[in-house]
């Protein structure tokens, strides 16, 4: 039945996918497995967008459906997760990029895995990240970017953190559609994550968990 979630969400069948998720939760299926199916579906949506089958409205709509799914799943997850907070993470999509679906999934997964997430949204200038790091004392910064132009913004953000004298205290992870080890080296981030699960694993590692 997992494939049903993937197919219905990828095909943007809002009512169908919400009904399937409702039934899965009523049957006490693992909420994280449902989120994983949603993530797979969003990858398909992203691929269809890249292939020119879907356009911006479809991307936005898929994000809205995803938010509905996470809202439905979240109470089940927080009930099953011991609410001990491991640490804080400042998160955002870098300047010049407005993609928020991947960032939202990472933020959601960090949240339910015991991290306090400060999500700054999209198109965030380097200085805003620095201000939030100072304000929260957060030891982790997560930078998201889907477009290749985001790489320069990521590099500038890491540089701004360095210039603010915070680099020694903050671990920086990056993620997004095109991010690779080469991009990580270019931006001088500490690590990159292929998906939300890896993002959580990195955050846990940064905190020595």
N, C-alpha and C. Protein backbone atom coordinates (compact mmCIF):
# COMPACT_ATOMS: atom_id res chain seq x y z
N UNK A 1 0.83 -1.21 0.00
CA UNK A 1 0.00 0.00 0.00
C UNK A 1 0.87 1.26 0.00
N UNK A 2 2.16 1.10 0.35
CA UNK A 2 3.06 2.25 0.36
C UNK A 2 3.14 2.91 -0.99
N UNK A 3 3.12 2.04 -2.04
CA UNK A 3 3.20 2.56 -3.41
C UNK A 3 2.01 3.46 -3.71
N UNK A 4 0.85 3.17 -3.06
CA UNK A 4 -0.34 3.98 -3.30
C UNK A 4 -0.11 5.43 -2.89
N UNK A 5 0.56 5.62 -1.75
CA UNK A 5 0.86 6.97 -1.29
C UNK A 5 1.78 7.65 -2.30
N UNK A 6 2.81 6.91 -2.71
CA UNK A 6 3.78 7.45 -3.67
C UNK A 6 3.07 7.87 -4.96
N UNK A 7 2.25 6.95 -5.50
CA UNK A 7 1.58 7.22 -6.78
C UNK A 7 0.57 8.38 -6.64
N UNK A 8 -0.28 8.31 -5.60
CA UNK A 8 -1.33 9.32 -5.45
C UNK A 8 -0.74 10.72 -5.24
N UNK A 9 0.31 10.81 -4.44
CA UNK A 9 0.93 12.12 -4.19
C UNK A 9 1.67 12.60 -5.45
N UNK A 10 2.40 11.69 -6.10
CA UNK A 10 3.13 12.08 -7.32
C UNK A 10 2.16 12.54 -8.41
N UNK A 11 0.94 11.94 -8.43
CA UNK A 11 -0.07 12.31 -9.43
C UNK A 11 -0.95 13.48 -8.95
N UNK A 12 -0.61 14.01 -7.75
CA UNK A 12 -1.31 15.18 -7.17
C UNK A 12 -2.79 14.92 -6.91
N UNK A 13 -3.11 13.67 -6.52
CA UNK A 13 -4.50 13.32 -6.19
C UNK A 13 -4.71 13.56 -4.70
N UNK A 14 -5.03 14.79 -4.38
CA UNK A 14 -5.07 15.23 -2.97
C UNK A 14 -6.02 14.39 -2.11
N UNK A 15 -7.29 14.25 -2.54
CA UNK A 15 -8.26 13.52 -1.72
C UNK A 15 -7.87 12.07 -1.53
N UNK A 16 -7.39 11.45 -2.61
CA UNK A 16 -6.99 10.04 -2.55
C UNK A 16 -5.85 9.85 -1.56
N UNK A 17 -4.82 10.66 -1.68
CA UNK A 17 -3.65 10.47 -0.82
C UNK A 17 -3.99 10.72 0.64
N UNK A 18 -4.83 11.71 0.92
CA UNK A 18 -5.20 11.99 2.31
C UNK A 18 -6.00 10.84 2.91
N UNK A 19 -6.85 10.23 2.08
CA UNK A 19 -7.66 9.09 2.53
C UNK A 19 -6.75 7.89 2.84
N UNK A 20 -5.76 7.66 1.95
CA UNK A 20 -4.83 6.54 2.16
C UNK A 20 -4.04 6.75 3.46
N UNK A 21 -3.54 7.98 3.66
CA UNK A 21 -2.75 8.29 4.87
C UNK A 21 -3.62 8.10 6.11
N UNK A 22 -4.87 8.56 6.04
CA UNK A 22 -5.79 8.43 7.19
C UNK A 22 -5.96 6.96 7.55
N UNK A 23 -6.18 6.12 6.53
CA UNK A 23 -6.40 4.69 6.77
C UNK A 23 -5.14 4.03 7.34
N UNK A 24 -3.98 4.43 6.83
CA UNK A 24 -2.72 3.86 7.33
C UNK A 24 -2.54 4.19 8.81
N UNK A 25 -2.83 5.44 9.16
CA UNK A 25 -2.67 5.86 10.56
C UNK A 25 -3.68 5.13 11.46
N UNK A 26 -4.89 4.95 10.96
CA UNK A 26 -5.91 4.22 11.73
C UNK A 26 -5.49 2.77 11.94
N UNK A 27 -4.74 2.22 10.97
CA UNK A 27 -4.25 0.84 11.07
C UNK A 27 -2.94 0.77 11.85
N UNK A 28 -2.57 1.92 12.46
CA UNK A 28 -1.32 2.00 13.26
C UNK A 28 -0.06 1.66 12.48
N UNK A 29 -0.03 2.03 11.21
CA UNK A 29 1.21 1.82 10.44
C UNK A 29 2.24 2.86 10.87
N UNK A 30 3.51 2.56 10.63
CA UNK A 30 4.61 3.42 11.07
C UNK A 30 4.54 4.79 10.38
N UNK A 31 4.37 5.88 11.17
CA UNK A 31 4.28 7.21 10.55
C UNK A 31 5.52 7.58 9.76
N UNK A 32 6.69 7.13 10.21
CA UNK A 32 7.92 7.47 9.49
C UNK A 32 7.96 6.80 8.12
N UNK A 33 7.37 5.61 8.04
CA UNK A 33 7.33 4.90 6.74
C UNK A 33 6.43 5.68 5.77
N UNK A 34 5.34 6.27 6.31
CA UNK A 34 4.46 7.07 5.46
C UNK A 34 5.21 8.31 4.96
N UNK A 35 6.00 8.92 5.86
CA UNK A 35 6.79 10.10 5.46
C UNK A 35 7.81 9.74 4.40
N UNK A 36 8.37 8.53 4.52
CA UNK A 36 9.36 8.08 3.53
C UNK A 36 8.69 7.92 2.16
N UNK A 37 7.45 7.39 2.17
CA UNK A 37 6.70 7.27 0.91
C UNK A 37 6.44 8.67 0.32
N UNK A 38 6.10 9.61 1.20
CA UNK A 38 5.84 10.99 0.74
C UNK A 38 7.11 11.57 0.12
N UNK A 39 8.25 11.28 0.75
CA UNK A 39 9.53 11.79 0.22
C UNK A 39 9.79 11.22 -1.17
N UNK A 40 9.54 9.91 -1.35
CA UNK A 40 9.74 9.28 -2.66
C UNK A 40 8.85 9.95 -3.71
N UNK A 41 7.60 10.23 -3.29
CA UNK A 41 6.65 10.87 -4.22
C UNK A 41 7.15 12.25 -4.62
N UNK A 42 7.70 13.00 -3.64
CA UNK A 42 8.19 14.36 -3.94
C UNK A 42 9.39 14.30 -4.90
N UNK A 43 10.16 13.22 -4.81
CA UNK A 43 11.29 13.05 -5.75
C UNK A 43 10.75 12.90 -7.18
N UNK A 44 9.65 12.12 -7.28
CA UNK A 44 9.03 11.93 -8.61
C UNK A 44 8.49 13.27 -9.12
N UNK A 45 7.84 14.02 -8.22
CA UNK A 45 7.32 15.35 -8.60
C UNK A 45 8.48 16.22 -9.10
N UNK A 46 9.59 16.22 -8.37
CA UNK A 46 10.78 17.00 -8.76
C UNK A 46 11.30 16.59 -10.12
N UNK A 47 11.28 15.26 -10.39
CA UNK A 47 11.77 14.75 -11.67
C UNK A 47 10.83 15.18 -12.79
N UNK A 48 9.52 15.12 -12.52
CA UNK A 48 8.55 15.54 -13.55
C UNK A 48 8.69 17.03 -13.85
N UNK A 49 9.02 17.79 -12.81
CA UNK A 49 9.25 19.23 -13.01
C UNK A 49 10.48 19.43 -13.89
N UNK A 50 11.55 18.68 -13.57
CA UNK A 50 12.79 18.78 -14.34
C UNK A 50 12.57 18.36 -15.80
N UNK A 51 11.66 17.39 -16.00
CA UNK A 51 11.39 16.89 -17.36
C UNK A 51 10.38 17.74 -18.12
N UNK A 52 9.85 18.78 -17.46
CA UNK A 52 8.90 19.65 -18.13
C UNK A 52 7.47 19.13 -18.15
N UNK A 53 7.20 18.05 -17.38
CA UNK A 53 5.82 17.54 -17.28
C UNK A 53 5.01 18.38 -16.30
N UNK A 54 5.68 18.80 -15.22
CA UNK A 54 5.04 19.64 -14.21
C UNK A 54 5.66 21.02 -14.24
N UNK A 55 4.89 22.01 -13.79
CA UNK A 55 5.39 23.39 -13.74
C UNK A 55 5.27 23.92 -12.31
N UNK A 56 5.56 25.19 -12.11
CA UNK A 56 5.55 25.78 -10.76
C UNK A 56 4.23 25.52 -10.00
N UNK A 57 3.05 25.70 -10.64
CA UNK A 57 1.81 25.46 -9.88
C UNK A 57 1.72 24.04 -9.32
N UNK A 58 2.17 23.06 -10.12
CA UNK A 58 2.15 21.66 -9.65
C UNK A 58 3.11 21.47 -8.47
N UNK A 59 4.28 22.12 -8.56
CA UNK A 59 5.25 22.03 -7.46
C UNK A 59 4.64 22.61 -6.18
N UNK A 60 4.03 23.76 -6.31
CA UNK A 60 3.43 24.43 -5.15
C UNK A 60 2.31 23.55 -4.57
N UNK A 61 1.47 23.00 -5.46
CA UNK A 61 0.35 22.17 -5.01
C UNK A 61 0.85 20.92 -4.29
N UNK A 62 1.91 20.30 -4.83
CA UNK A 62 2.46 19.10 -4.18
C UNK A 62 2.96 19.45 -2.78
N UNK A 63 3.53 20.64 -2.64
CA UNK A 63 4.02 21.10 -1.34
C UNK A 63 2.87 21.29 -0.36
N UNK A 64 1.73 21.80 -0.88
CA UNK A 64 0.55 21.99 -0.02
C UNK A 64 0.03 20.64 0.48
N UNK A 65 -0.02 19.66 -0.43
CA UNK A 65 -0.49 18.32 -0.03
C UNK A 65 0.46 17.74 1.02
N UNK A 66 1.76 17.93 0.79
CA UNK A 66 2.76 17.42 1.73
C UNK A 66 2.55 18.02 3.13
N UNK A 67 2.25 19.32 3.16
CA UNK A 67 2.02 19.98 4.46
C UNK A 67 0.80 19.37 5.16
N UNK A 68 -0.23 19.03 4.38
CA UNK A 68 -1.42 18.39 4.96
C UNK A 68 -1.05 17.03 5.56
N UNK A 69 -0.23 16.29 4.81
CA UNK A 69 0.17 14.96 5.28
C UNK A 69 0.99 15.07 6.58
N UNK A 70 1.94 15.99 6.59
CA UNK A 70 2.78 16.13 7.79
C UNK A 70 1.95 16.58 8.99
N UNK A 71 0.96 17.44 8.74
CA UNK A 71 0.10 17.90 9.84
C UNK A 71 -0.68 16.72 10.43
N UNK A 72 -1.08 15.80 9.56
CA UNK A 72 -1.84 14.65 10.02
C UNK A 72 -0.95 13.65 10.76
N UNK A 73 0.28 13.53 10.30
CA UNK A 73 1.20 12.53 10.86
C UNK A 73 1.87 13.01 12.15
N UNK A 74 2.12 14.30 12.23
CA UNK A 74 2.94 14.84 13.33
C UNK A 74 2.47 14.43 14.74
N UNK A 75 1.17 14.51 15.05
CA UNK A 75 0.75 14.12 16.41
C UNK A 75 1.13 12.68 16.76
N UNK A 76 1.08 11.78 15.74
CA UNK A 76 1.44 10.37 15.98
C UNK A 76 2.93 10.25 16.27
N UNK A 77 3.71 11.05 15.55
CA UNK A 77 5.16 10.97 15.71
C UNK A 77 5.60 11.54 17.05
N UNK A 78 5.06 12.70 17.40
CA UNK A 78 5.51 13.32 18.64
C UNK A 78 5.09 12.47 19.83
N UNK A 79 3.99 11.72 19.64
CA UNK A 79 3.56 10.83 20.73
C UNK A 79 4.55 9.69 20.89
N UNK A 80 5.14 9.27 19.77
CA UNK A 80 6.04 8.11 19.85
C UNK A 80 7.49 8.50 20.09
N UNK A 81 7.80 9.78 19.94
CA UNK A 81 9.19 10.22 20.14
C UNK A 81 9.33 10.81 21.55
N UNK A 82 10.33 10.35 22.24
CA UNK A 82 10.60 10.91 23.58
C UNK A 82 10.95 12.38 23.39
N UNK A 83 10.24 13.28 24.05
CA UNK A 83 10.42 14.70 23.77
C UNK A 83 11.61 15.33 24.49
N UNK A 84 12.75 14.69 24.32
CA UNK A 84 13.98 15.27 24.86
C UNK A 84 14.60 16.03 23.70
N UNK A 85 14.93 17.27 23.91
CA UNK A 85 15.52 18.06 22.82
C UNK A 85 17.04 17.88 22.84
N UNK A 86 17.58 17.45 21.69
CA UNK A 86 19.02 17.18 21.60
C UNK A 86 19.83 18.44 21.32
N UNK A 87 19.20 19.40 20.68
CA UNK A 87 19.95 20.59 20.28
C UNK A 87 19.13 21.42 19.33
N UNK A 88 19.69 22.54 18.92
CA UNK A 88 18.97 23.46 18.04
C UNK A 88 19.61 23.49 16.66
N UNK A 89 18.77 23.69 15.66
CA UNK A 89 19.24 23.78 14.28
C UNK A 89 18.62 25.02 13.63
N UNK A 90 19.46 25.86 13.03
CA UNK A 90 18.95 26.96 12.22
C UNK A 90 18.91 26.44 10.78
N UNK A 91 17.76 26.63 10.13
CA UNK A 91 17.53 26.04 8.82
C UNK A 91 16.95 27.07 7.86
N UNK A 92 17.31 26.98 6.58
CA UNK A 92 16.71 27.89 5.62
C UNK A 92 17.19 27.60 4.20
N UNK A 93 16.41 28.08 3.22
CA UNK A 93 16.82 28.02 1.82
C UNK A 93 17.58 29.31 1.52
N UNK A 94 18.74 29.17 0.91
CA UNK A 94 19.66 30.31 0.75
C UNK A 94 19.15 31.36 -0.24
N UNK A 95 19.79 32.54 -0.18
CA UNK A 95 19.42 33.68 -1.02
C UNK A 95 19.35 33.30 -2.50
N UNK A 96 18.29 33.77 -3.17
CA UNK A 96 18.14 33.52 -4.60
C UNK A 96 17.38 32.26 -4.93
N UNK A 97 17.02 31.47 -3.92
CA UNK A 97 16.31 30.21 -4.16
C UNK A 97 15.04 30.21 -3.32
N UNK A 98 13.93 29.81 -3.93
CA UNK A 98 12.65 29.81 -3.18
C UNK A 98 12.07 28.41 -3.03
N UNK A 99 12.86 27.38 -3.26
CA UNK A 99 12.36 26.01 -3.09
C UNK A 99 12.30 25.67 -1.61
N UNK A 100 11.13 25.22 -1.16
CA UNK A 100 11.04 24.93 0.28
C UNK A 100 10.61 23.51 0.61
N UNK A 101 10.29 22.70 -0.41
CA UNK A 101 9.75 21.37 -0.12
C UNK A 101 10.78 20.49 0.59
N UNK A 102 12.00 20.43 0.02
CA UNK A 102 13.06 19.62 0.65
C UNK A 102 13.38 20.13 2.04
N UNK A 103 13.48 21.45 2.16
CA UNK A 103 13.79 22.07 3.46
C UNK A 103 12.72 21.73 4.48
N UNK A 104 11.45 21.80 4.05
CA UNK A 104 10.35 21.52 4.97
C UNK A 104 10.39 20.07 5.47
N UNK A 105 10.74 19.13 4.58
CA UNK A 105 10.81 17.73 4.99
C UNK A 105 11.95 17.55 6.00
N UNK A 106 13.10 18.18 5.72
CA UNK A 106 14.24 18.09 6.65
C UNK A 106 13.86 18.68 8.01
N UNK A 107 13.23 19.87 7.98
CA UNK A 107 12.82 20.51 9.23
C UNK A 107 11.87 19.64 10.03
N UNK A 108 10.92 19.04 9.34
CA UNK A 108 9.93 18.17 9.98
C UNK A 108 10.62 16.97 10.62
N UNK A 109 11.52 16.33 9.87
CA UNK A 109 12.21 15.13 10.37
C UNK A 109 13.12 15.47 11.56
N UNK A 110 13.79 16.62 11.50
CA UNK A 110 14.63 17.04 12.63
C UNK A 110 13.77 17.28 13.87
N UNK A 111 12.63 17.92 13.65
CA UNK A 111 11.72 18.24 14.74
C UNK A 111 11.25 16.97 15.46
N UNK A 112 10.76 16.00 14.67
CA UNK A 112 10.23 14.79 15.30
C UNK A 112 11.34 13.90 15.85
N UNK A 113 12.58 14.19 15.48
CA UNK A 113 13.70 13.42 16.01
C UNK A 113 14.38 14.14 17.18
N UNK A 114 13.70 15.15 17.73
CA UNK A 114 14.18 15.74 18.97
C UNK A 114 15.05 16.98 18.85
N UNK A 115 15.01 17.64 17.68
CA UNK A 115 15.78 18.88 17.53
C UNK A 115 14.82 20.07 17.51
N UNK A 116 15.27 21.17 18.09
CA UNK A 116 14.47 22.39 17.99
C UNK A 116 14.91 23.11 16.72
N UNK A 117 13.96 23.31 15.82
CA UNK A 117 14.30 23.85 14.49
C UNK A 117 13.85 25.31 14.38
N UNK A 118 14.79 26.17 13.97
CA UNK A 118 14.48 27.57 13.69
C UNK A 118 14.50 27.72 12.17
N UNK A 119 13.32 27.63 11.55
CA UNK A 119 13.23 27.67 10.08
C UNK A 119 13.05 29.11 9.62
N UNK A 120 14.03 29.62 8.88
CA UNK A 120 14.00 31.01 8.42
C UNK A 120 13.28 31.19 7.08
N UNK A 121 12.81 30.08 6.50
CA UNK A 121 12.08 30.19 5.24
C UNK A 121 12.99 30.12 4.01
N UNK A 122 12.60 30.85 2.96
CA UNK A 122 13.34 30.79 1.69
C UNK A 122 13.99 32.13 1.35
N UNK A 123 14.93 32.08 0.39
CA UNK A 123 15.61 33.29 -0.08
C UNK A 123 16.21 34.07 1.09
N UNK A 124 16.93 33.33 1.94
CA UNK A 124 17.46 33.93 3.18
C UNK A 124 18.88 34.48 2.94
N UNK A 125 19.11 35.77 3.17
CA UNK A 125 20.45 36.33 2.98
C UNK A 125 21.42 35.83 4.06
N UNK A 126 22.72 35.76 3.73
CA UNK A 126 23.72 35.25 4.68
C UNK A 126 23.64 35.90 6.06
N UNK A 127 23.44 37.22 6.08
CA UNK A 127 23.45 37.94 7.36
C UNK A 127 22.32 37.50 8.29
N UNK A 128 21.19 37.12 7.68
CA UNK A 128 20.03 36.68 8.48
C UNK A 128 20.37 35.36 9.21
N UNK A 129 21.07 34.47 8.50
CA UNK A 129 21.51 33.22 9.13
C UNK A 129 22.43 33.52 10.32
N UNK A 130 23.36 34.45 10.09
CA UNK A 130 24.33 34.82 11.14
C UNK A 130 23.59 35.39 12.36
N UNK A 131 22.64 36.27 12.10
CA UNK A 131 21.87 36.87 13.22
C UNK A 131 21.16 35.80 14.03
N UNK A 132 20.55 34.83 13.33
CA UNK A 132 19.78 33.79 14.02
C UNK A 132 20.72 32.87 14.82
N UNK A 133 21.89 32.60 14.26
CA UNK A 133 22.86 31.77 14.99
C UNK A 133 23.30 32.47 16.27
N UNK A 134 23.52 33.77 16.17
CA UNK A 134 23.92 34.55 17.36
C UNK A 134 22.79 34.56 18.40
N UNK A 135 21.57 34.77 17.89
CA UNK A 135 20.41 34.89 18.77
C UNK A 135 20.11 33.58 19.52
N UNK A 136 20.26 32.45 18.81
CA UNK A 136 19.87 31.16 19.40
C UNK A 136 21.03 30.39 20.02
N UNK A 137 22.26 30.72 19.58
CA UNK A 137 23.41 29.94 20.04
C UNK A 137 23.39 28.52 19.46
N UNK A 138 22.64 28.36 18.37
CA UNK A 138 22.52 27.04 17.74
C UNK A 138 23.87 26.53 17.23
N UNK A 139 24.20 25.24 17.51
CA UNK A 139 25.47 24.69 17.05
C UNK A 139 25.42 24.11 15.63
N UNK A 140 24.22 24.10 15.03
CA UNK A 140 24.07 23.50 13.70
C UNK A 140 23.33 24.45 12.76
N UNK A 141 23.85 24.56 11.53
CA UNK A 141 23.21 25.37 10.50
C UNK A 141 22.94 24.47 9.30
N UNK A 142 21.68 24.45 8.84
CA UNK A 142 21.33 23.66 7.66
C UNK A 142 20.95 24.57 6.52
N UNK A 143 21.67 24.47 5.40
CA UNK A 143 21.40 25.32 4.23
C UNK A 143 20.83 24.47 3.10
N UNK A 144 19.70 24.93 2.57
CA UNK A 144 19.06 24.19 1.49
C UNK A 144 19.11 25.01 0.21
N UNK A 145 19.24 24.31 -0.92
CA UNK A 145 19.23 24.99 -2.21
C UNK A 145 19.00 23.99 -3.32
N UNK A 146 18.05 24.29 -4.18
CA UNK A 146 17.70 23.37 -5.26
C UNK A 146 18.39 23.76 -6.56
N UNK A 147 18.58 25.05 -6.74
CA UNK A 147 19.16 25.56 -7.99
C UNK A 147 20.68 25.65 -7.89
N UNK A 148 21.37 25.52 -9.03
CA UNK A 148 22.83 25.60 -8.99
C UNK A 148 23.31 26.98 -8.55
N UNK A 149 22.50 28.02 -8.81
CA UNK A 149 22.92 29.37 -8.38
C UNK A 149 22.97 29.46 -6.85
N UNK A 150 22.33 28.49 -6.17
CA UNK A 150 22.33 28.49 -4.70
C UNK A 150 23.71 28.18 -4.14
N UNK A 151 24.56 27.54 -4.95
CA UNK A 151 25.88 27.14 -4.43
C UNK A 151 26.71 28.35 -4.00
N UNK A 152 26.64 29.43 -4.80
CA UNK A 152 27.38 30.64 -4.44
C UNK A 152 26.81 31.25 -3.16
N UNK A 153 25.48 31.22 -3.03
CA UNK A 153 24.85 31.74 -1.81
C UNK A 153 25.27 30.92 -0.59
N UNK A 154 25.36 29.61 -0.78
CA UNK A 154 25.81 28.74 0.32
C UNK A 154 27.24 29.11 0.72
N UNK A 155 28.09 29.28 -0.29
CA UNK A 155 29.49 29.64 -0.04
C UNK A 155 29.58 30.98 0.71
N UNK A 156 28.77 31.95 0.25
CA UNK A 156 28.78 33.28 0.90
C UNK A 156 28.25 33.20 2.34
N UNK A 157 27.29 32.30 2.57
CA UNK A 157 26.72 32.15 3.92
C UNK A 157 27.77 31.56 4.86
N UNK A 158 28.47 30.53 4.39
CA UNK A 158 29.53 29.92 5.21
C UNK A 158 30.59 30.97 5.53
N UNK A 159 30.92 31.78 4.52
CA UNK A 159 31.90 32.85 4.68
C UNK A 159 31.43 33.88 5.73
N UNK A 160 30.15 34.23 5.68
CA UNK A 160 29.59 35.20 6.63
C UNK A 160 29.64 34.66 8.06
N UNK A 161 29.40 33.36 8.20
CA UNK A 161 29.47 32.72 9.53
C UNK A 161 30.92 32.80 10.04
N UNK A 162 31.85 32.57 9.10
CA UNK A 162 33.28 32.64 9.43
C UNK A 162 33.67 34.06 9.87
N UNK A 163 33.23 35.05 9.09
CA UNK A 163 33.57 36.45 9.38
C UNK A 163 32.96 36.93 10.69
N UNK A 164 31.85 36.30 11.08
CA UNK A 164 31.20 36.67 12.35
C UNK A 164 31.88 36.00 13.55
N UNK A 165 32.91 35.19 13.26
CA UNK A 165 33.64 34.51 14.33
C UNK A 165 32.91 33.32 14.93
N UNK A 166 31.93 32.77 14.17
CA UNK A 166 31.13 31.67 14.71
C UNK A 166 31.50 30.30 14.13
N UNK A 167 32.40 30.30 13.15
CA UNK A 167 32.65 29.05 12.40
C UNK A 167 33.12 27.90 13.29
N UNK A 168 33.92 28.22 14.31
CA UNK A 168 34.43 27.16 15.20
C UNK A 168 33.31 26.51 16.01
N UNK A 169 32.24 27.28 16.25
CA UNK A 169 31.16 26.79 17.13
C UNK A 169 30.01 26.17 16.36
N UNK A 170 29.98 26.35 15.04
CA UNK A 170 28.80 25.92 14.26
C UNK A 170 29.18 24.89 13.19
N UNK A 171 28.45 23.78 13.17
CA UNK A 171 28.61 22.78 12.12
C UNK A 171 27.59 23.10 11.03
N UNK A 172 28.05 23.09 9.78
CA UNK A 172 27.16 23.48 8.68
C UNK A 172 26.93 22.30 7.74
N UNK A 173 25.65 21.99 7.52
CA UNK A 173 25.33 20.94 6.54
C UNK A 173 24.49 21.56 5.43
N UNK A 174 24.68 21.04 4.23
CA UNK A 174 23.93 21.56 3.08
C UNK A 174 23.17 20.42 2.41
N UNK A 175 22.12 20.79 1.68
CA UNK A 175 21.35 19.78 0.97
C UNK A 175 20.53 20.42 -0.14
N UNK A 176 20.05 19.58 -1.06
CA UNK A 176 19.26 20.08 -2.19
C UNK A 176 19.50 19.21 -3.40
N UNK A 177 18.69 19.43 -4.41
CA UNK A 177 18.71 18.59 -5.60
C UNK A 177 20.07 18.27 -6.19
N UNK A 178 20.89 19.27 -6.39
CA UNK A 178 22.15 19.08 -7.12
C UNK A 178 23.38 18.97 -6.21
N UNK A 179 23.15 18.95 -4.90
CA UNK A 179 24.29 19.02 -3.98
C UNK A 179 25.09 17.72 -3.98
N UNK A 180 26.41 17.87 -3.99
CA UNK A 180 27.32 16.71 -4.03
C UNK A 180 28.54 17.02 -3.17
N UNK A 181 29.46 16.08 -3.13
CA UNK A 181 30.70 16.29 -2.35
C UNK A 181 31.50 17.46 -2.93
N UNK A 182 31.45 17.60 -4.26
CA UNK A 182 32.17 18.72 -4.91
C UNK A 182 31.60 20.06 -4.44
N UNK A 183 30.27 20.11 -4.36
CA UNK A 183 29.61 21.34 -3.92
C UNK A 183 29.96 21.61 -2.45
N UNK A 184 29.96 20.55 -1.65
CA UNK A 184 30.32 20.72 -0.24
C UNK A 184 31.71 21.32 -0.11
N UNK A 185 32.66 20.80 -0.90
CA UNK A 185 34.03 21.31 -0.85
C UNK A 185 34.07 22.78 -1.31
N UNK A 186 33.30 23.09 -2.35
CA UNK A 186 33.27 24.45 -2.88
C UNK A 186 32.72 25.43 -1.84
N UNK A 187 31.67 25.03 -1.13
CA UNK A 187 31.02 25.94 -0.18
C UNK A 187 31.74 25.98 1.17
N UNK A 188 32.61 24.96 1.38
CA UNK A 188 33.33 24.81 2.67
C UNK A 188 32.39 24.45 3.83
N UNK A 189 31.28 23.77 3.50
CA UNK A 189 30.38 23.27 4.55
C UNK A 189 31.03 22.02 5.16
N UNK A 190 30.50 21.58 6.30
CA UNK A 190 31.09 20.40 6.97
C UNK A 190 30.61 19.10 6.35
N UNK A 191 29.38 19.08 5.85
CA UNK A 191 28.83 17.84 5.30
C UNK A 191 27.64 18.16 4.42
N UNK A 192 27.25 17.18 3.59
CA UNK A 192 26.02 17.34 2.81
C UNK A 192 25.17 16.09 2.98
N UNK A 193 23.85 16.29 2.91
CA UNK A 193 22.94 15.16 3.06
C UNK A 193 22.13 14.96 1.79
N UNK A 194 21.99 13.70 1.38
CA UNK A 194 21.22 13.39 0.17
C UNK A 194 19.73 13.57 0.41
N UNK A 195 19.29 13.29 1.65
CA UNK A 195 17.86 13.40 1.95
C UNK A 195 17.66 13.74 3.42
N UNK A 196 16.39 13.79 3.82
CA UNK A 196 16.06 14.21 5.19
C UNK A 196 16.59 13.24 6.24
N UNK A 197 16.55 11.95 5.92
CA UNK A 197 17.03 10.94 6.88
C UNK A 197 18.52 11.16 7.14
N UNK A 198 19.26 11.43 6.07
CA UNK A 198 20.70 11.68 6.21
C UNK A 198 20.94 12.99 6.97
N UNK A 199 20.06 13.98 6.74
CA UNK A 199 20.16 15.25 7.46
C UNK A 199 20.05 15.04 8.96
N UNK A 200 19.11 14.19 9.37
CA UNK A 200 18.94 13.89 10.80
C UNK A 200 20.18 13.16 11.33
N UNK A 201 20.68 12.21 10.54
CA UNK A 201 21.88 11.45 10.95
C UNK A 201 23.07 12.39 11.15
N UNK A 202 23.21 13.36 10.24
CA UNK A 202 24.31 14.34 10.35
C UNK A 202 24.15 15.19 11.61
N UNK A 203 22.92 15.66 11.85
CA UNK A 203 22.68 16.51 13.03
C UNK A 203 23.00 15.73 14.31
N UNK A 204 22.60 14.47 14.34
CA UNK A 204 22.89 13.63 15.52
C UNK A 204 24.40 13.47 15.69
N UNK A 205 25.09 13.27 14.56
CA UNK A 205 26.54 13.10 14.63
C UNK A 205 27.22 14.37 15.12
N UNK A 206 26.75 15.50 14.61
CA UNK A 206 27.31 16.79 15.03
C UNK A 206 27.17 16.99 16.55
N UNK A 207 26.06 16.45 17.09
CA UNK A 207 25.80 16.61 18.54
C UNK A 207 26.44 15.50 19.37
N UNK A 208 27.16 14.60 18.66
CA UNK A 208 27.83 13.50 19.37
C UNK A 208 26.88 12.45 19.89
N UNK A 209 25.73 12.28 19.20
CA UNK A 209 24.73 11.31 19.67
C UNK A 209 24.95 9.94 19.03
